[in-house]
Amino acid sequence: MLYTPEGPKMPPPSSPLRHRLPALLFLTIFLHLASAHRSGAPFFSSALSEWRPARASYYAASNPRDTVGGACGYGDLVKSGYGLATVGLSSVLFNKGQACGGCYEVRCVEELRYCIPGTSIVLTATNFCPPNYGLPSDAGGLCNPPNSHFVMPIAAFEKIAIWKAGILPIQYRRIKCIREGGVRFTIEGRGFFVAVLLSNVAGAGDVTAVKVKGTATGWLPMGRNWGQNWHIGAELRGQPLSFELTTSDGVTLTSYNVAPHDWSFGQTYVGRQFSF
């Protein structure tokens, strides 16, 4: 069942999967970033070429709200640039939100009667497929640990397979994200509570650490609130803000004086991008 602000509802009869992604609204902001340096990342590098087994299913987007929200906090997925090339990940892949923003290449395997030969699709992790502990992992609990499971919009699913497949064996691998435009930040909060949503991140895509600096402060580490929403309790108003981002491949991007001294909550800032 799908949880919406109005309460639970059943997915449309045309969908073979009774999993729908949650709708969680959030705003999107853009931040200007200026310079980058690189360090080694053996895990990410090996993941770029290593195909791993998983299973996939889909949900039918029957209403505009299906493209809004998600457990990573990106808000309207079309406006934030992700569109329907997105995926909800099971617990072992989602990793409590650390996977948000990462890119995965997915291809259909084994089920040759359903697979579209020679095809694959690149998806961005924007959501979470919650476990159903009322059902065993091998009989209905598709996203229960230790299952590696992908839930994608039917429009994405049909790029690699015929919808009649329902639940499908796949292979996946992490790849670098290719983005248009700069890294985007959403700055929200009130008073000395500052919350920042990161989106449109290229390269590894999944940000693992964030620091912020005002002209009156040193570099201050921000904490992960949920998904790719980061927060800090600090009085930063009236100061130009600089940011430092680190992604899972060890690359750090530093941008100085991106938000001007008169920045305000709810504003957007666009900056340079990670290399890809």
Protein backbone atom coordinates (compact mmCIF):
# COMPACT_ATOMS: atom_id res chain seq x y z
CA MET A 1 0.00 0.00 0.00
CA LEU A 2 1.04 3.55 -0.62
CA TYR A 3 1.14 6.05 2.22
CA THR A 4 0.01 9.51 1.23
CA PRO A 5 -0.82 12.55 3.36
CA GLU A 6 -4.48 11.54 2.91
CA GLY A 7 -3.80 8.04 4.26
CA PRO A 8 -3.20 4.62 2.72
CA LYS A 9 -4.58 3.74 -0.67
CA MET A 10 -4.25 0.77 -3.00
CA PRO A 11 -2.15 0.96 -6.19
CA PRO A 12 -4.03 0.74 -9.49
CA PRO A 13 -5.11 -2.74 -10.59
CA SER A 14 -2.80 -2.53 -13.61
CA SER A 15 0.28 -2.60 -11.35
CA PRO A 16 1.50 -6.08 -10.38
CA LEU A 17 3.33 -4.63 -7.43
CA ARG A 18 1.63 -3.46 -4.26
CA HIS A 19 4.50 -1.11 -3.48
CA ARG A 20 4.22 2.59 -4.29
CA LEU A 21 6.76 5.18 -3.33
CA PRO A 22 5.94 7.67 -0.54
CA ALA A 23 5.19 11.27 -1.36
CA LEU A 24 7.24 13.66 0.76
CA LEU A 25 7.32 17.29 -0.31
CA PHE A 26 10.42 19.46 -0.12
CA LEU A 27 11.86 22.50 -1.88
CA THR A 28 14.90 22.69 -4.19
CA ILE A 29 17.73 25.26 -4.09
CA PHE A 30 20.85 25.91 -6.03
CA LEU A 31 24.30 26.75 -4.69
CA HIS A 32 27.38 28.10 -6.52
CA LEU A 33 30.47 25.86 -6.04
CA ALA A 34 33.90 26.84 -7.22
CA SER A 35 36.81 24.40 -6.98
CA ALA A 36 37.49 20.67 -6.59
CA HIS A 37 40.22 18.21 -5.69
CA ARG A 38 40.30 14.41 -5.92
CA SER A 39 41.40 11.58 -3.66
CA GLY A 40 41.35 7.81 -4.08
CA ALA A 41 38.19 5.69 -3.77
CA PRO A 42 38.74 1.96 -4.28
CA PHE A 43 35.17 0.96 -3.43
CA PHE A 44 33.54 3.31 -5.90
CA SER A 45 36.08 2.53 -8.61
CA SER A 46 35.48 -1.21 -8.40
CA ALA A 47 31.73 -0.69 -8.29
CA LEU A 48 31.89 1.13 -11.62
CA SER A 49 32.68 -2.08 -13.47
CA GLU A 50 31.18 -4.77 -11.27
CA TRP A 51 27.71 -6.06 -12.16
CA ARG A 52 25.73 -7.40 -9.22
CA PRO A 53 22.49 -9.40 -9.05
CA ALA A 54 19.20 -7.97 -7.80
CA ARG A 55 15.51 -7.97 -8.59
CA ALA A 56 13.27 -5.17 -9.84
CA SER A 57 9.59 -4.30 -9.93
CA TYR A 58 7.62 -1.19 -10.86
CA TYR A 59 4.83 1.12 -9.82
CA ALA A 60 2.35 2.73 -12.20
CA ALA A 61 2.42 6.53 -12.07
CA SER A 62 -1.28 7.30 -12.28
CA ASN A 63 -1.22 10.77 -10.79
CA PRO A 64 1.09 13.80 -10.78
CA ARG A 65 1.91 13.29 -7.11
CA ASP A 66 3.82 10.14 -8.06
CA THR A 67 6.60 12.34 -9.46
CA VAL A 68 6.81 14.46 -6.29
CA GLY A 69 8.61 13.57 -3.12
CA GLY A 70 10.57 10.58 -1.96
CA ALA A 71 12.70 9.61 0.99
CA CYS A 72 15.69 11.63 -0.26
CA GLY A 73 13.76 14.90 -0.09
CA TYR A 74 14.20 16.06 -3.68
CA GLY A 75 10.63 17.32 -3.99
CA ASP A 76 9.28 17.60 -7.53
CA LEU A 77 11.48 15.12 -9.40
CA VAL A 78 10.79 16.72 -12.79
CA LYS A 79 11.64 20.25 -11.64
CA SER A 80 14.73 19.01 -9.82
CA GLY A 81 15.97 17.37 -13.02
CA TYR A 82 15.53 13.69 -12.22
CA GLY A 83 12.30 13.01 -14.09
CA LEU A 84 11.16 9.38 -14.13
CA ALA A 85 14.67 7.91 -14.42
CA THR A 86 14.57 7.26 -10.69
CA VAL A 87 14.49 4.32 -8.34
CA GLY A 88 13.51 3.38 -4.82
CA LEU A 89 16.02 1.07 -3.13
CA SER A 90 15.56 -1.66 -0.55
CA SER A 91 17.13 -1.27 2.90
CA VAL A 92 20.48 -2.90 2.13
CA LEU A 93 21.02 -0.56 -0.84
CA PHE A 94 19.42 2.61 0.54
CA ASN A 95 21.69 2.51 3.60
CA LYS A 96 19.64 4.95 5.68
CA GLY A 97 19.70 7.59 2.95
CA GLN A 98 23.41 7.53 2.18
CA ALA A 99 22.66 6.19 -1.32
CA CYS A 100 20.52 9.19 -2.25
CA GLY A 101 21.72 10.82 -5.46
CA GLY A 102 23.83 7.87 -6.58
CA CYS A 103 23.41 6.53 -10.13
CA TYR A 104 22.86 2.92 -11.12
CA GLU A 105 22.92 1.24 -14.50
CA VAL A 106 20.35 -1.53 -14.61
CA ARG A 107 19.85 -4.27 -17.20
CA CYS A 108 17.42 -7.17 -17.56
CA VAL A 109 18.86 -10.70 -17.35
CA GLU A 110 17.68 -14.30 -17.44
CA GLU A 111 14.01 -13.64 -18.26
CA LEU A 112 14.64 -13.55 -21.99
CA ARG A 113 10.94 -13.68 -22.87
CA TYR A 114 10.48 -10.35 -21.08
CA CYS A 115 13.86 -8.61 -21.50
CA ILE A 116 14.44 -6.09 -24.26
CA PRO A 117 17.80 -7.31 -25.61
CA GLY A 118 20.81 -5.01 -25.53
CA THR A 119 19.18 -2.37 -23.35
CA SER A 120 20.01 -0.79 -20.01
CA ILE A 121 18.85 2.29 -18.14
CA VAL A 122 20.58 4.72 -15.77
CA LEU A 123 18.58 5.53 -12.65
CA THR A 124 19.11 7.95 -9.77
CA ALA A 125 18.35 6.82 -6.23
CA THR A 126 15.62 9.16 -4.97
CA ASN A 127 13.50 6.96 -2.74
CA PHE A 128 13.27 4.07 -0.29
CA CYS A 129 11.37 0.81 -0.65
CA PRO A 130 10.47 -0.07 2.95
CA PRO A 131 10.54 -3.65 4.20
CA ASN A 132 7.34 -5.56 4.91
CA TYR A 133 8.18 -7.74 7.87
CA GLY A 134 4.72 -9.27 7.76
CA LEU A 135 5.86 -11.29 4.76
CA PRO A 136 9.02 -13.40 4.35
CA SER A 137 11.74 -12.01 2.12
CA ASP A 138 11.30 -14.87 -0.34
CA ALA A 139 7.50 -14.67 -0.48
CA GLY A 140 6.20 -11.11 -0.78
CA GLY A 141 8.68 -9.11 1.30
CA LEU A 142 10.45 -7.83 -1.80
CA CYS A 143 12.39 -5.10 -0.04
CA ASN A 144 13.13 -6.99 3.16
CA PRO A 145 16.77 -7.52 4.15
CA PRO A 146 18.89 -9.06 2.72
CA ASN A 147 17.18 -8.52 -0.66
CA SER A 148 18.72 -6.11 -3.16
CA HIS A 149 15.59 -4.74 -4.80
CA PHE A 150 14.84 -1.84 -7.16
CA VAL A 151 11.39 -0.27 -7.49
CA MET A 152 11.13 2.03 -10.49
CA PRO A 153 8.42 3.93 -12.39
CA ILE A 154 6.81 1.79 -15.07
CA ALA A 155 8.13 4.23 -17.70
CA ALA A 156 11.67 3.35 -16.64
CA PHE A 157 10.95 -0.37 -16.24
CA GLU A 158 9.65 -0.59 -19.79
CA LYS A 159 12.98 0.66 -21.14
CA ILE A 160 14.52 -2.72 -20.29
CA ALA A 161 11.59 -5.17 -20.07
CA ILE A 162 7.95 -5.83 -20.87
CA TRP A 163 5.65 -4.82 -18.02
CA LYS A 164 4.12 -8.31 -17.82
CA ALA A 165 7.36 -9.49 -16.24
CA GLY A 166 6.22 -8.04 -12.91
CA ILE A 167 9.14 -8.94 -10.63
CA LEU A 168 12.28 -9.31 -12.68
CA PRO A 169 15.86 -10.55 -12.16
CA ILE A 170 18.30 -7.78 -13.05
CA GLN A 171 21.94 -6.83 -12.81
CA TYR A 172 23.06 -3.41 -11.61
CA ARG A 173 26.26 -1.45 -11.16
CA ARG A 174 27.16 1.96 -9.77
CA ILE A 175 28.19 4.45 -12.42
CA LYS A 176 29.08 8.13 -12.43
CA CYS A 177 26.21 10.57 -12.64
CA ILE A 178 26.09 12.97 -15.60
CA ARG A 179 24.22 16.17 -14.83
CA GLU A 180 23.35 19.34 -16.71
CA GLY A 181 24.12 22.58 -14.94
CA GLY A 182 25.58 23.03 -11.50
CA VAL A 183 25.14 21.49 -8.09
CA ARG A 184 21.96 22.72 -6.46
CA PHE A 185 21.31 23.45 -2.82
CA THR A 186 18.06 24.29 -1.09
CA ILE A 187 18.52 26.45 1.98
CA GLU A 188 15.68 26.27 4.47
CA GLY A 189 15.29 26.78 8.17
CA ARG A 190 14.66 29.60 10.58
CA GLY A 191 16.84 31.73 12.79
CA PHE A 192 20.04 29.89 13.61
CA PHE A 193 18.73 26.53 12.30
CA VAL A 194 19.94 26.08 8.72
CA ALA A 195 18.88 23.12 6.57
CA VAL A 196 20.31 22.44 3.12
CA LEU A 197 19.02 20.04 0.47
CA LEU A 198 21.64 18.88 -2.03
CA SER A 199 20.58 17.91 -5.55
CA ASN A 200 21.82 17.61 -9.14
CA VAL A 201 25.19 16.30 -7.98
CA ALA A 202 27.34 14.77 -10.72
CA GLY A 203 30.21 12.31 -10.37
CA ALA A 204 29.52 9.86 -7.56
CA GLY A 205 26.25 11.70 -6.87
CA ASP A 206 25.87 10.62 -3.25
CA VAL A 207 27.20 13.21 -0.82
CA THR A 208 28.66 11.77 2.38
CA ALA A 209 29.87 14.90 4.19
CA VAL A 210 29.10 18.63 4.13
CA LYS A 211 30.78 21.62 5.75
CA VAL A 212 29.65 25.25 5.77
CA LYS A 213 31.66 28.38 6.49
CA GLY A 214 30.60 31.93 7.11
CA THR A 215 32.94 34.91 7.07
CA ALA A 216 32.72 34.97 10.87
CA THR A 217 33.21 31.22 11.38
CA GLY A 218 35.60 28.43 10.54
CA TRP A 219 34.52 25.32 8.65
CA LEU A 220 31.55 23.79 10.48
CA PRO A 221 30.44 20.19 9.81
CA MET A 222 26.77 19.72 9.00
CA GLY A 223 24.80 16.64 10.06
CA ARG A 224 22.66 14.48 7.81
CA ASN A 225 19.04 15.10 8.73
CA TRP A 226 17.47 12.67 6.26
CA GLY A 227 18.21 11.69 2.69
CA GLN A 228 20.31 14.49 1.20
CA ASN A 229 19.04 17.07 3.68
CA TRP A 230 21.76 18.42 5.93
CA HIS A 231 21.47 20.76 8.91
CA ILE A 232 23.38 22.81 11.44
CA GLY A 233 22.55 25.00 14.40
CA ALA A 234 24.61 28.15 13.83
CA GLU A 235 23.96 31.85 13.36
CA LEU A 236 24.98 32.37 9.74
CA ARG A 237 22.68 35.18 8.65
CA GLY A 238 24.35 38.25 7.18
CA GLN A 239 27.44 36.30 6.12
CA PRO A 240 28.45 35.04 2.67
CA LEU A 241 28.44 31.24 2.85
CA SER A 242 31.00 28.78 1.53
CA PHE A 243 30.38 25.04 1.26
CA GLU A 244 32.52 21.93 1.07
CA LEU A 245 31.00 18.68 -0.22
CA THR A 246 32.53 15.21 -0.18
CA THR A 247 31.06 12.35 -2.19
CA SER A 248 31.41 8.60 -1.65
CA ASP A 249 34.35 8.36 -4.06
CA GLY A 250 36.43 10.69 -1.89
CA VAL A 251 36.15 13.73 -4.16
CA THR A 252 35.77 17.06 -2.38
CA LEU A 253 34.29 20.17 -3.98
CA THR A 254 34.83 23.51 -2.24
CA SER A 255 33.01 26.69 -3.16
CA TYR A 256 33.76 30.03 -1.53
CA ASN A 257 31.32 32.90 -0.96
CA VAL A 258 28.60 31.19 -2.98
CA ALA A 259 25.58 32.51 -1.11
CA PRO A 260 25.91 36.31 -0.80
CA HIS A 261 25.77 38.13 2.53
CA ASP A 262 22.07 38.88 2.01
CA TRP A 263 21.05 35.26 1.32
CA SER A 264 17.69 34.23 2.67
CA PHE A 265 15.82 31.04 3.41
CA GLY A 266 14.02 29.59 0.42
CA GLN A 267 16.41 31.05 -2.15
CA THR A 268 18.27 29.15 -4.86
CA TYR A 269 21.94 29.24 -5.83
CA VAL A 270 23.63 27.42 -8.72
CA GLY A 271 27.30 26.63 -8.84
CA ARG A 272 29.99 24.62 -10.56
CA GLN A 273 29.72 20.90 -10.87
CA PHE A 274 31.69 17.82 -9.89
CA SER A 275 33.62 16.40 -12.84
CA PHE A 276 32.20 13.35 -14.58
